[in-house]
Amino acid sequence: MNIQLHKNARTTPAIRLELQSQPESVSDRELAEAYHLNRHTVAKWRQREGVEDASHRPQRLHATLSAAQERWWWRCVRPSRCPLDDLLAVTREFTPRSRALAWTAVCAATACLTSRR
């Protein structure tokens, strides 16, 4: 059985299952002392349904375009029909780093924009 844990994980699926199977009469603090864990870690695993690590990636992209950026996108970028990866590569090569990072957010937000039209 191949178990992939988060690199900073202090618990294994077996320990997590043991934490979840403890009766509610046993406090999180007592379990934390017994397993040498933080009580918040114990509380987290007792509340979860499963014993697998949750994804640490964002589930939603929190990037939006301003009205000016949206107009620019529809006027300049969309007619070129260039893939966003190509636009991002060109931007990273020919603009300062701070601008390239901002452009990354703009490119990401265009995915939402294209799905609207």
C-alpha atoms as a PDB file:
ATOM      1  CA  MET A   1       0.000   0.000   0.000  1.00  0.00           C
ATOM      2  CA  ASN A   2       1.514   3.273  -1.153  1.00  0.00           C
ATOM      3  CA  ILE A   3       0.658   6.097   1.249  1.00  0.00           C
ATOM      4  CA  GLN A   4       1.444   9.644   0.169  1.00  0.00           C
ATOM      5  CA  LEU A   5       1.386  12.027   3.088  1.00  0.00           C
ATOM      6  CA  HIS A   6       1.828  15.767   3.152  1.00  0.00           C
ATOM      7  CA  LYS A   7       5.532  16.426   3.739  1.00  0.00           C
ATOM      8  CA  ASN A   8       4.842  17.995   7.162  1.00  0.00           C
ATOM      9  CA  ALA A   9       2.250  15.425   8.269  1.00  0.00           C
ATOM     10  CA  ARG A  10       2.713  14.162  11.816  1.00  0.00           C
ATOM     11  CA  THR A  11      -0.036  11.567  11.577  1.00  0.00           C
ATOM     12  CA  THR A  12      -0.639   8.495   9.434  1.00  0.00           C
ATOM     13  CA  PRO A  13      -4.006   7.229   8.233  1.00  0.00           C
ATOM     14  CA  ALA A  14      -3.909   4.618  11.017  1.00  0.00           C
ATOM     15  CA  ILE A  15      -3.440   7.270  13.725  1.00  0.00           C
ATOM     16  CA  ARG A  16      -6.137   9.439  12.140  1.00  0.00           C
ATOM     17  CA  LEU A  17      -8.541   6.494  12.207  1.00  0.00           C
ATOM     18  CA  GLU A  18      -7.718   5.878  15.859  1.00  0.00           C
ATOM     19  CA  LEU A  19      -8.413   9.530  16.650  1.00  0.00           C
ATOM     20  CA  GLN A  20     -11.752   9.353  14.853  1.00  0.00           C
ATOM     21  CA  SER A  21     -12.784   6.138  16.585  1.00  0.00           C
ATOM     22  CA  GLN A  22     -12.278   7.515  20.108  1.00  0.00           C
ATOM     23  CA  PRO A  23     -15.482   8.228  22.049  1.00  0.00           C
ATOM     24  CA  GLU A  24     -16.482  11.862  22.461  1.00  0.00           C
ATOM     25  CA  SER A  25     -16.014  11.510  26.209  1.00  0.00           C
ATOM     26  CA  VAL A  26     -12.245  11.593  25.573  1.00  0.00           C
ATOM     27  CA  SER A  27     -11.191  15.212  25.108  1.00  0.00           C
ATOM     28  CA  ASP A  28      -9.044  16.510  22.276  1.00  0.00           C
ATOM     29  CA  ARG A  29      -6.487  17.667  24.846  1.00  0.00           C
ATOM     30  CA  GLU A  30      -6.134  14.146  26.290  1.00  0.00           C
ATOM     31  CA  LEU A  31      -5.689  12.630  22.844  1.00  0.00           C
ATOM     32  CA  ALA A  32      -3.196  15.322  21.884  1.00  0.00           C
ATOM     33  CA  GLU A  33      -1.081  14.485  24.917  1.00  0.00           C
ATOM     34  CA  ALA A  34      -1.329  10.754  24.274  1.00  0.00           C
ATOM     35  CA  TYR A  35      -0.304  11.030  20.613  1.00  0.00           C
ATOM     36  CA  HIS A  36       2.092  13.977  21.065  1.00  0.00           C
ATOM     37  CA  LEU A  37       0.057  16.181  18.711  1.00  0.00           C
ATOM     38  CA  ASN A  38      -1.390  19.665  18.811  1.00  0.00           C
ATOM     39  CA  ARG A  39      -4.968  19.671  20.085  1.00  0.00           C
ATOM     40  CA  HIS A  40      -6.070  21.560  16.954  1.00  0.00           C
ATOM     41  CA  THR A  41      -4.686  18.726  14.825  1.00  0.00           C
ATOM     42  CA  VAL A  42      -6.629  16.200  16.895  1.00  0.00           C
ATOM     43  CA  ALA A  43      -9.815  18.274  16.583  1.00  0.00           C
ATOM     44  CA  LYS A  44      -9.352  18.576  12.813  1.00  0.00           C
ATOM     45  CA  TRP A  45      -8.997  14.828  12.285  1.00  0.00           C
ATOM     46  CA  ARG A  46     -11.875  13.989  14.614  1.00  0.00           C
ATOM     47  CA  GLN A  47     -14.194  16.254  12.600  1.00  0.00           C
ATOM     48  CA  ARG A  48     -13.215  14.928   9.173  1.00  0.00           C
ATOM     49  CA  GLU A  49     -15.042  12.110   7.422  1.00  0.00           C
ATOM     50  CA  GLY A  50     -11.988  10.376   5.945  1.00  0.00           C
ATOM     51  CA  VAL A  51      -8.330   9.906   6.781  1.00  0.00           C
ATOM     52  CA  GLU A  52      -6.793  11.177   3.518  1.00  0.00           C
ATOM     53  CA  ASP A  53      -4.983  14.507   3.246  1.00  0.00           C
ATOM     54  CA  ALA A  54      -7.119  17.231   1.709  1.00  0.00           C
ATOM     55  CA  SER A  55      -5.902  19.191  -1.290  1.00  0.00           C
ATOM     56  CA  HIS A  56      -3.950  22.336  -0.501  1.00  0.00           C
ATOM     57  CA  ARG A  57      -4.701  23.884  -3.882  1.00  0.00           C
ATOM     58  CA  PRO A  58      -7.343  26.557  -4.154  1.00  0.00           C
ATOM     59  CA  GLN A  59     -10.676  25.214  -5.316  1.00  0.00           C
ATOM     60  CA  ARG A  60     -11.643  28.494  -6.985  1.00  0.00           C
ATOM     61  CA  LEU A  61      -9.591  31.064  -8.782  1.00  0.00           C
ATOM     62  CA  HIS A  62     -10.007  34.465  -7.144  1.00  0.00           C
ATOM     63  CA  ALA A  63      -8.995  36.627 -10.085  1.00  0.00           C
ATOM     64  CA  THR A  64     -11.164  39.096 -11.943  1.00  0.00           C
ATOM     65  CA  LEU A  65     -10.600  41.559 -14.730  1.00  0.00           C
ATOM     66  CA  SER A  66     -11.339  45.233 -14.432  1.00  0.00           C
ATOM     67  CA  ALA A  67     -13.645  46.761 -17.044  1.00  0.00           C
ATOM     68  CA  ALA A  68     -10.633  48.264 -18.843  1.00  0.00           C
ATOM     69  CA  GLN A  69      -8.780  44.935 -18.855  1.00  0.00           C
ATOM     70  CA  GLU A  70     -11.858  43.172 -20.194  1.00  0.00           C
ATOM     71  CA  ARG A  71     -12.259  45.697 -23.026  1.00  0.00           C
ATOM     72  CA  TRP A  72      -8.546  45.352 -23.868  1.00  0.00           C
ATOM     73  CA  TRP A  73      -8.820  41.585 -23.850  1.00  0.00           C
ATOM     74  CA  TRP A  74     -11.777  41.525 -26.256  1.00  0.00           C
ATOM     75  CA  ARG A  75     -10.163  44.104 -28.552  1.00  0.00           C
ATOM     76  CA  CYS A  76      -6.566  42.844 -28.664  1.00  0.00           C
ATOM     77  CA  VAL A  77      -6.091  39.354 -27.352  1.00  0.00           C
ATOM     78  CA  ARG A  78      -9.216  37.525 -28.438  1.00  0.00           C
ATOM     79  CA  PRO A  79      -8.935  38.302 -32.194  1.00  0.00           C
ATOM     80  CA  SER A  80      -5.361  36.942 -32.223  1.00  0.00           C
ATOM     81  CA  ARG A  81      -6.662  33.545 -31.042  1.00  0.00           C
ATOM     82  CA  CYS A  82      -3.272  32.854 -29.440  1.00  0.00           C
ATOM     83  CA  PRO A  83      -3.318  30.286 -26.674  1.00  0.00           C
ATOM     84  CA  LEU A  84      -3.033  31.813 -23.203  1.00  0.00           C
ATOM     85  CA  ASP A  85       0.153  29.830 -22.576  1.00  0.00           C
ATOM     86  CA  ASP A  86       1.828  31.576 -25.534  1.00  0.00           C
ATOM     87  CA  LEU A  87       0.631  35.000 -24.396  1.00  0.00           C
ATOM     88  CA  LEU A  88       1.920  34.322 -20.904  1.00  0.00           C
ATOM     89  CA  ALA A  89       5.315  33.150 -22.196  1.00  0.00           C
ATOM     90  CA  VAL A  90       5.752  36.294 -24.293  1.00  0.00           C
ATOM     91  CA  THR A  91       4.683  38.509 -21.414  1.00  0.00           C
ATOM     92  CA  ARG A  92       7.105  36.860 -19.012  1.00  0.00           C
ATOM     93  CA  GLU A  93       9.976  37.272 -21.461  1.00  0.00           C
ATOM     94  CA  PHE A  94       9.416  40.905 -22.371  1.00  0.00           C
ATOM     95  CA  THR A  95       8.082  42.498 -19.181  1.00  0.00           C
ATOM     96  CA  PRO A  96       9.497  43.093 -15.705  1.00  0.00           C
ATOM     97  CA  ARG A  97       8.799  40.387 -13.135  1.00  0.00           C
ATOM     98  CA  SER A  98       6.124  42.300 -11.211  1.00  0.00           C
ATOM     99  CA  ARG A  99       4.174  42.918 -14.392  1.00  0.00           C
ATOM    100  CA  ALA A 100       4.527  39.315 -15.478  1.00  0.00           C
ATOM    101  CA  LEU A 101       3.083  38.168 -12.167  1.00  0.00           C
ATOM    102  CA  ALA A 102       0.147  40.535 -12.599  1.00  0.00           C
ATOM    103  CA  TRP A 103      -0.330  39.259 -16.142  1.00  0.00           C
ATOM    104  CA  THR A 104      -0.509  35.709 -14.794  1.00  0.00           C
ATOM    105  CA  ALA A 105      -3.602  36.716 -12.821  1.00  0.00           C
ATOM    106  CA  VAL A 106      -5.092  38.409 -15.895  1.00  0.00           C
ATOM    107  CA  CYS A 107      -4.531  35.302 -18.011  1.00  0.00           C
ATOM    108  CA  ALA A 108      -6.064  33.129 -15.356  1.00  0.00           C
ATOM    109  CA  ALA A 109      -9.092  35.379 -15.121  1.00  0.00           C
ATOM    110  CA  THR A 110      -9.678  35.122 -18.869  1.00  0.00           C
ATOM    111  CA  ALA A 111     -10.748  31.525 -18.398  1.00  0.00           C
ATOM    112  CA  CYS A 112     -13.755  32.848 -16.495  1.00  0.00           C
ATOM    113  CA  LEU A 113     -14.290  35.544 -19.110  1.00  0.00           C
ATOM    114  CA  THR A 114     -14.300  33.141 -22.035  1.00  0.00           C
ATOM    115  CA  SER A 115     -16.770  30.857 -20.313  1.00  0.00           C
ATOM    116  CA  ARG A 116     -19.205  33.784 -19.969  1.00  0.00           C
ATOM    117  CA  ARG A 117     -19.434  34.484 -23.707  1.00  0.00           C
END
